[in-house]
Amino acid sequence: MTRKNPASDCYDLAFQAGYPIGESAEVALEDYTRETSRSREAEAIREPADPSMVGGVHVCGLGAPLTKTVITDIEDFARSLVFREGSGLGWS
């Protein structure tokens, strides 16, 4: 998946704020997003001005329409990762 040439079924989910999360937390966020949105692919979007911050998630191939509840849940999970880094990132 590439954000530079997205497919017609790709969308950017922008967060209300950026979250400073590391690489392992980024993988957890992408996995969580794929499961909760039932998307085929998900990729964290790093802030161009500060690559340590994740400002959203790029998703492709949604299995169902996204509701406000699902979008809020994904951002809440991203926010929670800020405090869980290094202490286990499992969510399933």
PDB file of N, CA and C in Angstrom:
ATOM      1  N   MET A   1       0.856  -1.174   0.000  1.00  0.00           N
ATOM      2  CA  MET A   1       0.000   0.000   0.000  1.00  0.00           C
ATOM      3  C   MET A   1       0.895   1.227   0.000  1.00  0.00           C
ATOM      4  N   THR A   2       0.491   2.199  -0.732  1.00  0.00           N
ATOM      5  CA  THR A   2       1.224   3.448  -0.728  1.00  0.00           C
ATOM      6  C   THR A   2       0.248   4.621  -0.668  1.00  0.00           C
ATOM      7  N   ARG A   3       0.587   5.576   0.132  1.00  0.00           N
ATOM      8  CA  ARG A   3      -0.255   6.762   0.238  1.00  0.00           C
ATOM      9  C   ARG A   3      -0.056   7.681  -0.957  1.00  0.00           C
ATOM     10  N   LYS A   4       1.054   7.533  -1.678  1.00  0.00           N
ATOM     11  CA  LYS A   4       1.312   8.402  -2.826  1.00  0.00           C
ATOM     12  C   LYS A   4       0.401   8.079  -4.010  1.00  0.00           C
ATOM     13  N   ASN A   5       0.021   6.822  -4.148  1.00  0.00           N
ATOM     14  CA  ASN A   5      -0.870   6.387  -5.221  1.00  0.00           C
ATOM     15  C   ASN A   5      -1.988   5.542  -4.631  1.00  0.00           C
ATOM     16  N   PRO A   6      -2.887   6.155  -3.871  1.00  0.00           N
ATOM     17  CA  PRO A   6      -3.937   5.364  -3.216  1.00  0.00           C
ATOM     18  C   PRO A   6      -4.961   4.822  -4.207  1.00  0.00           C
ATOM     19  N   ALA A   7      -5.502   3.694  -3.863  1.00  0.00           N
ATOM     20  CA  ALA A   7      -6.589   3.119  -4.659  1.00  0.00           C
ATOM     21  C   ALA A   7      -7.867   3.910  -4.393  1.00  0.00           C
ATOM     22  N   SER A   8      -8.877   3.664  -5.202  1.00  0.00           N
ATOM     23  CA  SER A   8     -10.133   4.411  -5.057  1.00  0.00           C
ATOM     24  C   SER A   8     -10.861   4.090  -3.757  1.00  0.00           C
ATOM     25  N   ASP A   9     -10.487   2.971  -3.111  1.00  0.00           N
ATOM     26  CA  ASP A   9     -11.149   2.599  -1.854  1.00  0.00           C
ATOM     27  C   ASP A   9     -10.296   2.934  -0.634  1.00  0.00           C
ATOM     28  N   CYS A  10      -9.406   3.926  -0.771  1.00  0.00           N
ATOM     29  CA  CYS A  10      -8.530   4.336   0.337  1.00  0.00           C
ATOM     30  C   CYS A  10      -8.967   5.687   0.900  1.00  0.00           C
ATOM     31  N   TYR A  11      -8.785   5.834   2.213  1.00  0.00           N
ATOM     32  CA  TYR A  11      -9.181   7.055   2.911  1.00  0.00           C
ATOM     33  C   TYR A  11      -8.167   7.372   3.993  1.00  0.00           C
ATOM     34  N   ASP A  12      -7.993   8.647   4.281  1.00  0.00           N
ATOM     35  CA  ASP A  12      -7.173   9.082   5.412  1.00  0.00           C
ATOM     36  C   ASP A  12      -8.094   9.431   6.567  1.00  0.00           C
ATOM     37  N   LEU A  13      -7.865   8.799   7.711  1.00  0.00           N
ATOM     38  CA  LEU A  13      -8.591   9.124   8.933  1.00  0.00           C
ATOM     39  C   LEU A  13      -7.688  10.039   9.752  1.00  0.00           C
ATOM     40  N   ALA A  14      -8.004  11.309   9.792  1.00  0.00           N
ATOM     41  CA  ALA A  14      -7.183  12.277  10.522  1.00  0.00           C
ATOM     42  C   ALA A  14      -7.614  12.329  11.979  1.00  0.00           C
ATOM     43  N   PHE A  15      -6.628  12.313  12.874  1.00  0.00           N
ATOM     44  CA  PHE A  15      -6.909  12.449  14.299  1.00  0.00           C
ATOM     45  C   PHE A  15      -7.061  13.931  14.639  1.00  0.00           C
ATOM     46  N   GLN A  16      -7.692  14.212  15.771  1.00  0.00           N
ATOM     47  CA  GLN A  16      -7.847  15.593  16.226  1.00  0.00           C
ATOM     48  C   GLN A  16      -6.531  16.151  16.742  1.00  0.00           C
ATOM     49  N   ALA A  17      -5.606  15.255  17.109  1.00  0.00           N
ATOM     50  CA  ALA A  17      -4.283  15.654  17.600  1.00  0.00           C
ATOM     51  C   ALA A  17      -3.276  14.622  17.119  1.00  0.00           C
ATOM     52  N   GLY A  18      -2.007  14.966  17.189  1.00  0.00           N
ATOM     53  CA  GLY A  18      -0.951  14.010  16.876  1.00  0.00           C
ATOM     54  C   GLY A  18      -0.518  13.310  18.159  1.00  0.00           C
ATOM     55  N   TYR A  19      -0.049  12.065  18.026  1.00  0.00           N
ATOM     56  CA  TYR A  19       0.358  11.287  19.202  1.00  0.00           C
ATOM     57  C   TYR A  19       1.774  10.759  19.007  1.00  0.00           C
ATOM     58  N   PRO A  20       2.646  10.992  19.991  1.00  0.00           N
ATOM     59  CA  PRO A  20       4.032  10.535  19.878  1.00  0.00           C
ATOM     60  C   PRO A  20       4.135   9.039  20.209  1.00  0.00           C
ATOM     61  N   ILE A  21       4.113   8.205  19.195  1.00  0.00           N
ATOM     62  CA  ILE A  21       4.216   6.770  19.438  1.00  0.00           C
ATOM     63  C   ILE A  21       5.374   6.199  18.638  1.00  0.00           C
ATOM     64  N   GLY A  22       6.004   5.187  19.186  1.00  0.00           N
ATOM     65  CA  GLY A  22       7.142   4.538  18.556  1.00  0.00           C
ATOM     66  C   GLY A  22       6.712   3.527  17.509  1.00  0.00           C
ATOM     67  N   GLU A  23       7.715   2.851  16.963  1.00  0.00           N
ATOM     68  CA  GLU A  23       7.448   1.905  15.869  1.00  0.00           C
ATOM     69  C   GLU A  23       6.584   0.724  16.290  1.00  0.00           C
ATOM     70  N   SER A  24       6.851   0.141  17.458  1.00  0.00           N
ATOM     71  CA  SER A  24       6.043  -1.014  17.873  1.00  0.00           C
ATOM     72  C   SER A  24       4.597  -0.598  18.141  1.00  0.00           C
ATOM     73  N   ALA A  25       4.406   0.595  18.681  1.00  0.00           N
ATOM     74  CA  ALA A  25       3.049   1.101  18.908  1.00  0.00           C
ATOM     75  C   ALA A  25       2.371   1.407  17.572  1.00  0.00           C
ATOM     76  N   GLU A  26       3.144   1.848  16.609  1.00  0.00           N
ATOM     77  CA  GLU A  26       2.594   2.111  15.275  1.00  0.00           C
ATOM     78  C   GLU A  26       2.040   0.820  14.657  1.00  0.00           C
ATOM     79  N   VAL A  27       2.779  -0.266  14.801  1.00  0.00           N
ATOM     80  CA  VAL A  27       2.314  -1.557  14.287  1.00  0.00           C
ATOM     81  C   VAL A  27       1.026  -1.979  15.001  1.00  0.00           C
ATOM     82  N   ALA A  28       0.979  -1.784  16.312  1.00  0.00           N
ATOM     83  CA  ALA A  28      -0.225  -2.118  17.075  1.00  0.00           C
ATOM     84  C   ALA A  28      -1.412  -1.284  16.598  1.00  0.00           C
ATOM     85  N   LEU A  29      -1.184   0.001  16.345  1.00  0.00           N
ATOM     86  CA  LEU A  29      -2.243   0.881  15.849  1.00  0.00           C
ATOM     87  C   LEU A  29      -2.743   0.409  14.485  1.00  0.00           C
ATOM     88  N   GLU A  30      -1.838   0.045  13.608  1.00  0.00           N
ATOM     89  CA  GLU A  30      -2.231  -0.423  12.282  1.00  0.00           C
ATOM     90  C   GLU A  30      -3.030  -1.724  12.379  1.00  0.00           C
ATOM     91  N   ASP A  31      -2.581  -2.649  13.219  1.00  0.00           N
ATOM     92  CA  ASP A  31      -3.316  -3.907  13.420  1.00  0.00           C
ATOM     93  C   ASP A  31      -4.709  -3.639  13.990  1.00  0.00           C
ATOM     94  N   TYR A  32      -4.767  -2.787  15.001  1.00  0.00           N
ATOM     95  CA  TYR A  32      -6.036  -2.456  15.644  1.00  0.00           C
ATOM     96  C   TYR A  32      -6.997  -1.817  14.635  1.00  0.00           C
ATOM     97  N   THR A  33      -6.454  -0.908  13.834  1.00  0.00           N
ATOM     98  CA  THR A  33      -7.277  -0.231  12.830  1.00  0.00           C
ATOM     99  C   THR A  33      -7.826  -1.218  11.813  1.00  0.00           C
ATOM    100  N   ARG A  34      -6.984  -2.141  11.350  1.00  0.00           N
ATOM    101  CA  ARG A  34      -7.466  -3.150  10.390  1.00  0.00           C
ATOM    102  C   ARG A  34      -8.614  -3.965  10.976  1.00  0.00           C
ATOM    103  N   GLU A  35      -8.480  -4.342  12.226  1.00  0.00           N
ATOM    104  CA  GLU A  35      -9.532  -5.152  12.858  1.00  0.00           C
ATOM    105  C   GLU A  35     -10.813  -4.362  13.101  1.00  0.00           C
ATOM    106  N   THR A  36     -10.695  -3.186  13.677  1.00  0.00           N
ATOM    107  CA  THR A  36     -11.898  -2.431  14.040  1.00  0.00           C
ATOM    108  C   THR A  36     -12.618  -1.847  12.831  1.00  0.00           C
ATOM    109  N   SER A  37     -11.858  -1.496  11.790  1.00  0.00           N
ATOM    110  CA  SER A  37     -12.485  -0.927  10.590  1.00  0.00           C
ATOM    111  C   SER A  37     -12.779  -1.998   9.543  1.00  0.00           C
ATOM    112  N   ARG A  38     -12.314  -3.200   9.798  1.00  0.00           N
ATOM    113  CA  ARG A  38     -12.428  -4.307   8.854  1.00  0.00           C
ATOM    114  C   ARG A  38     -11.849  -3.926   7.487  1.00  0.00           C
ATOM    115  N   SER A  39     -10.733  -3.196   7.542  1.00  0.00           N
ATOM    116  CA  SER A  39     -10.073  -2.774   6.305  1.00  0.00           C
ATOM    117  C   SER A  39      -9.027  -3.805   5.876  1.00  0.00           C
ATOM    118  N   ARG A  40      -8.732  -3.786   4.606  1.00  0.00           N
ATOM    119  CA  ARG A  40      -7.727  -4.679   4.043  1.00  0.00           C
ATOM    120  C   ARG A  40      -6.323  -4.246   4.455  1.00  0.00           C
ATOM    121  N   GLU A  41      -6.113  -2.937   4.511  1.00  0.00           N
ATOM    122  CA  GLU A  41      -4.798  -2.396   4.838  1.00  0.00           C
ATOM    123  C   GLU A  41      -4.948  -1.135   5.684  1.00  0.00           C
ATOM    124  N   ALA A  42      -3.960  -0.898   6.530  1.00  0.00           N
ATOM    125  CA  ALA A  42      -3.926   0.321   7.335  1.00  0.00           C
ATOM    126  C   ALA A  42      -2.473   0.737   7.521  1.00  0.00           C
ATOM    127  N   GLU A  43      -2.231   2.020   7.430  1.00  0.00           N
ATOM    128  CA  GLU A  43      -0.879   2.557   7.581  1.00  0.00           C
ATOM    129  C   GLU A  43      -0.954   3.838   8.405  1.00  0.00           C
ATOM    130  N   ALA A  44      -0.177   3.896   9.468  1.00  0.00           N
ATOM    131  CA  ALA A  44      -0.138   5.106  10.293  1.00  0.00           C
ATOM    132  C   ALA A  44       0.386   6.268   9.455  1.00  0.00           C
ATOM    133  N   ILE A  45      -0.156   7.444   9.698  1.00  0.00           N
ATOM    134  CA  ILE A  45       0.277   8.656   8.995  1.00  0.00           C
ATOM    135  C   ILE A  45       1.127   9.484   9.955  1.00  0.00           C
ATOM    136  N   ARG A  46       2.402   9.571   9.661  1.00  0.00           N
ATOM    137  CA  ARG A  46       3.317  10.394  10.454  1.00  0.00           C
ATOM    138  C   ARG A  46       3.181  11.857  10.039  1.00  0.00           C
ATOM    139  N   GLU A  47       3.274  12.755  11.014  1.00  0.00           N
ATOM    140  CA  GLU A  47       3.194  14.188  10.753  1.00  0.00           C
ATOM    141  C   GLU A  47       4.460  14.634  10.015  1.00  0.00           C
ATOM    142  N   PRO A  48       4.335  15.318   8.883  1.00  0.00           N
ATOM    143  CA  PRO A  48       5.519  15.751   8.135  1.00  0.00           C
ATOM    144  C   PRO A  48       6.434  16.680   8.940  1.00  0.00           C
ATOM    145  N   ALA A  49       5.852  17.550   9.736  1.00  0.00           N
ATOM    146  CA  ALA A  49       6.646  18.499  10.513  1.00  0.00           C
ATOM    147  C   ALA A  49       7.329  17.858  11.714  1.00  0.00           C
ATOM    148  N   ASP A  50       6.788  16.736  12.198  1.00  0.00           N
ATOM    149  CA  ASP A  50       7.356  16.041  13.345  1.00  0.00           C
ATOM    150  C   ASP A  50       7.078  14.543  13.194  1.00  0.00           C
ATOM    151  N   PRO A  51       7.990  13.818  12.552  1.00  0.00           N
ATOM    152  CA  PRO A  51       7.766  12.401  12.278  1.00  0.00           C
ATOM    153  C   PRO A  51       7.614  11.508  13.512  1.00  0.00           C
ATOM    154  N   SER A  52       7.847  12.049  14.698  1.00  0.00           N
ATOM    155  CA  SER A  52       7.615  11.243  15.906  1.00  0.00           C
ATOM    156  C   SER A  52       6.128  11.196  16.256  1.00  0.00           C
ATOM    157  N   MET A  53       5.349  12.026  15.588  1.00  0.00           N
ATOM    158  CA  MET A  53       3.913  12.123  15.871  1.00  0.00           C
ATOM    159  C   MET A  53       3.097  11.426  14.782  1.00  0.00           C
ATOM    160  N   VAL A  54       2.089  10.663  15.215  1.00  0.00           N
ATOM    161  CA  VAL A  54       1.145  10.041  14.285  1.00  0.00           C
ATOM    162  C   VAL A  54      -0.127  10.884  14.320  1.00  0.00           C
ATOM    163  N   GLY A  55      -0.544  11.351  13.136  1.00  0.00           N
ATOM    164  CA  GLY A  55      -1.705  12.228  13.050  1.00  0.00           C
ATOM    165  C   GLY A  55      -2.934  11.591  12.453  1.00  0.00           C
ATOM    166  N   GLY A  56      -2.855  10.288  12.145  1.00  0.00           N
ATOM    167  CA  GLY A  56      -4.004   9.609  11.573  1.00  0.00           C
ATOM    168  C   GLY A  56      -3.618   8.259  11.023  1.00  0.00           C
ATOM    169  N   VAL A  57      -4.553   7.659  10.299  1.00  0.00           N
ATOM    170  CA  VAL A  57      -4.328   6.342   9.710  1.00  0.00           C
ATOM    171  C   VAL A  57      -4.901   6.345   8.294  1.00  0.00           C
ATOM    172  N   HIS A  58      -4.148   5.800   7.367  1.00  0.00           N
ATOM    173  CA  HIS A  58      -4.574   5.618   5.977  1.00  0.00           C
ATOM    174  C   HIS A  58      -5.131   4.201   5.878  1.00  0.00           C
ATOM    175  N   VAL A  59      -6.374   4.052   5.417  1.00  0.00           N
ATOM    176  CA  VAL A  59      -7.008   2.732   5.326  1.00  0.00           C
ATOM    177  C   VAL A  59      -7.475   2.467   3.894  1.00  0.00           C
ATOM    178  N   CYS A  60      -7.431   1.188   3.514  1.00  0.00           N
ATOM    179  CA  CYS A  60      -7.883   0.768   2.187  1.00  0.00           C
ATOM    180  C   CYS A  60      -8.726  -0.493   2.324  1.00  0.00           C
ATOM    181  N   GLY A  61      -9.713  -0.610   1.446  1.00  0.00           N
ATOM    182  CA  GLY A  61     -10.524  -1.813   1.402  1.00  0.00           C
ATOM    183  C   GLY A  61     -11.377  -2.024   2.630  1.00  0.00           C
ATOM    184  N   LEU A  62     -12.155  -1.036   2.976  1.00  0.00           N
ATOM    185  CA  LEU A  62     -13.007  -1.142   4.165  1.00  0.00           C
ATOM    186  C   LEU A  62     -14.043  -2.234   3.991  1.00  0.00           C
ATOM    187  N   GLY A  63     -14.201  -3.035   5.033  1.00  0.00           N
ATOM    188  CA  GLY A  63     -15.179  -4.115   5.002  1.00  0.00           C
ATOM    189  C   GLY A  63     -16.574  -3.657   5.357  1.00  0.00           C
ATOM    190  N   ALA A  64     -16.679  -2.446   5.908  1.00  0.00           N
ATOM    191  CA  ALA A  64     -17.967  -1.888   6.312  1.00  0.00           C
ATOM    192  C   ALA A  64     -17.805  -0.374   6.394  1.00  0.00           C
ATOM    193  N   PRO A  65     -18.911   0.361   6.295  1.00  0.00           N
ATOM    194  CA  PRO A  65     -18.815   1.819   6.446  1.00  0.00           C
ATOM    195  C   PRO A  65     -18.288   2.182   7.832  1.00  0.00           C
ATOM    196  N   LEU A  66     -17.453   3.206   7.871  1.00  0.00           N
ATOM    197  CA  LEU A  66     -16.927   3.650   9.163  1.00  0.00           C
ATOM    198  C   LEU A  66     -17.951   4.521   9.871  1.00  0.00           C
ATOM    199  N   THR A  67     -18.161   4.226  11.130  1.00  0.00           N
ATOM    200  CA  THR A  67     -19.047   5.043  11.952  1.00  0.00           C
ATOM    201  C   THR A  67     -18.196   5.978  12.796  1.00  0.00           C
ATOM    202  N   LYS A  68     -18.821   7.007  13.324  1.00  0.00           N
ATOM    203  CA  LYS A  68     -18.117   7.933  14.229  1.00  0.00           C
ATOM    204  C   LYS A  68     -17.562   7.164  15.425  1.00  0.00           C
ATOM    205  N   THR A  69     -18.289   6.175  15.904  1.00  0.00           N
ATOM    206  CA  THR A  69     -17.846   5.378  17.050  1.00  0.00           C
ATOM    207  C   THR A  69     -16.549   4.642  16.738  1.00  0.00           C
ATOM    208  N   VAL A  70     -16.460   4.047  15.561  1.00  0.00           N
ATOM    209  CA  VAL A  70     -15.238   3.315  15.181  1.00  0.00           C
ATOM    210  C   VAL A  70     -14.075   4.284  15.023  1.00  0.00           C
ATOM    211  N   ILE A  71     -14.301   5.408  14.382  1.00  0.00           N
ATOM    212  CA  ILE A  71     -13.233   6.396  14.191  1.00  0.00           C
ATOM    213  C   ILE A  71     -12.737   6.908  15.538  1.00  0.00           C
ATOM    214  N   THR A  72     -13.652   7.210  16.444  1.00  0.00           N
ATOM    215  CA  THR A  72     -13.280   7.668  17.785  1.00  0.00           C
ATOM    216  C   THR A  72     -12.512   6.585  18.529  1.00  0.00           C
ATOM    217  N   ASP A  73     -12.946   5.340  18.390  1.00  0.00           N
ATOM    218  CA  ASP A  73     -12.278   4.220  19.048  1.00  0.00           C
ATOM    219  C   ASP A  73     -10.842   4.081  18.569  1.00  0.00           C
ATOM    220  N   ILE A  74     -10.607   4.247  17.271  1.00  0.00           N
ATOM    221  CA  ILE A  74      -9.246   4.144  16.728  1.00  0.00           C
ATOM    222  C   ILE A  74      -8.368   5.254  17.292  1.00  0.00           C
ATOM    223  N   GLU A  75      -8.886   6.475  17.351  1.00  0.00           N
ATOM    224  CA  GLU A  75      -8.081   7.569  17.913  1.00  0.00           C
ATOM    225  C   GLU A  75      -7.855   7.370  19.411  1.00  0.00           C
ATOM    226  N   ASP A  76      -8.847   6.889  20.131  1.00  0.00           N
ATOM    227  CA  ASP A  76      -8.663   6.612  21.565  1.00  0.00           C
ATOM    228  C   ASP A  76      -7.563   5.571  21.774  1.00  0.00           C
ATOM    229  N   PHE A  77      -7.532   4.565  20.898  1.00  0.00           N
ATOM    230  CA  PHE A  77      -6.488   3.550  21.000  1.00  0.00           C
ATOM    231  C   PHE A  77      -5.119   4.176  20.746  1.00  0.00           C
ATOM    232  N   ALA A  78      -5.017   5.032  19.731  1.00  0.00           N
ATOM    233  CA  ALA A  78      -3.747   5.717  19.448  1.00  0.00           C
ATOM    234  C   ALA A  78      -3.297   6.525  20.661  1.00  0.00           C
ATOM    235  N   ARG A  79      -4.219   7.238  21.274  1.00  0.00           N
ATOM    236  CA  ARG A  79      -3.910   8.041  22.461  1.00  0.00           C
ATOM    237  C   ARG A  79      -3.413   7.158  23.603  1.00  0.00           C
ATOM    238  N   SER A  80      -4.042   6.008  23.763  1.00  0.00           N
ATOM    239  CA  SER A  80      -3.652   5.108  24.856  1.00  0.00           C
ATOM    240  C   SER A  80      -2.257   4.529  24.646  1.00  0.00           C
ATOM    241  N   LEU A  81      -1.818   4.424  23.394  1.00  0.00           N
ATOM    242  CA  LEU A  81      -0.492   3.873  23.107  1.00  0.00           C
ATOM    243  C   LEU A  81       0.632   4.768  23.615  1.00  0.00           C
ATOM    244  N   VAL A  82       0.356   6.046  23.746  1.00  0.00           N
ATOM    245  CA  VAL A  82       1.363   6.979  24.262  1.00  0.00           C
ATOM    246  C   VAL A  82       1.815   6.534  25.655  1.00  0.00           C
ATOM    247  N   PHE A  83       0.882   6.021  26.435  1.00  0.00           N
ATOM    248  CA  PHE A  83       1.166   5.646  27.815  1.00  0.00           C
ATOM    249  C   PHE A  83       1.532   4.181  27.981  1.00  0.00           C
ATOM    250  N   ARG A  84       1.332   3.362  26.937  1.00  0.00           N
ATOM    251  CA  ARG A  84       1.602   1.933  27.043  1.00  0.00           C
ATOM    252  C   ARG A  84       2.924   1.512  26.425  1.00  0.00           C
ATOM    253  N   GLU A  85       3.617   2.395  25.760  1.00  0.00           N
ATOM    254  CA  GLU A  85       4.869   2.047  25.088  1.00  0.00           C
ATOM    255  C   GLU A  85       5.812   1.349  26.062  1.00  0.00           C
ATOM    256  N   GLY A  86       6.266   0.183  25.690  1.00  0.00           N
ATOM    257  CA  GLY A  86       7.204  -0.561  26.529  1.00  0.00           C
ATOM    258  C   GLY A  86       6.557  -1.409  27.604  1.00  0.00           C
ATOM    259  N   SER A  87       5.239  -1.302  27.759  1.00  0.00           N
ATOM    260  CA  SER A  87       4.580  -2.066  28.818  1.00  0.00           C
ATOM    261  C   SER A  87       3.601  -3.091  28.241  1.00  0.00           C
ATOM    262  N   GLY A  88       3.811  -3.461  27.006  1.00  0.00           N
ATOM    263  CA  GLY A  88       2.919  -4.420  26.361  1.00  0.00           C
ATOM    264  C   GLY A  88       1.860  -3.681  25.572  1.00  0.00           C
ATOM    265  N   LEU A  89       1.744  -4.028  24.298  1.00  0.00           N
ATOM    266  CA  LEU A  89       0.834  -3.311  23.426  1.00  0.00           C
ATOM    267  C   LEU A  89      -0.342  -4.166  22.991  1.00  0.00           C
ATOM    268  N   GLY A  90      -0.454  -5.370  23.550  1.00  0.00           N
ATOM    269  CA  GLY A  90      -1.525  -6.266  23.122  1.00  0.00           C
ATOM    270  C   GLY A  90      -2.898  -5.689  23.385  1.00  0.00           C
ATOM    271  N   TRP A  91      -3.805  -5.920  22.488  1.00  0.00           N
ATOM    272  CA  TRP A  91      -5.158  -5.415  22.621  1.00  0.00           C
ATOM    273  C   TRP A  91      -6.182  -6.490  22.344  1.00  0.00           C
ATOM    274  N   SER A  92      -5.784  -7.596  21.740  1.00  0.00           N
ATOM    275  CA  SER A  92      -6.759  -8.625  21.371  1.00  0.00           C
ATOM    276  C   SER A  92      -7.074  -9.540  22.526  1.00  0.00           C
TER     277      SER A  92
END
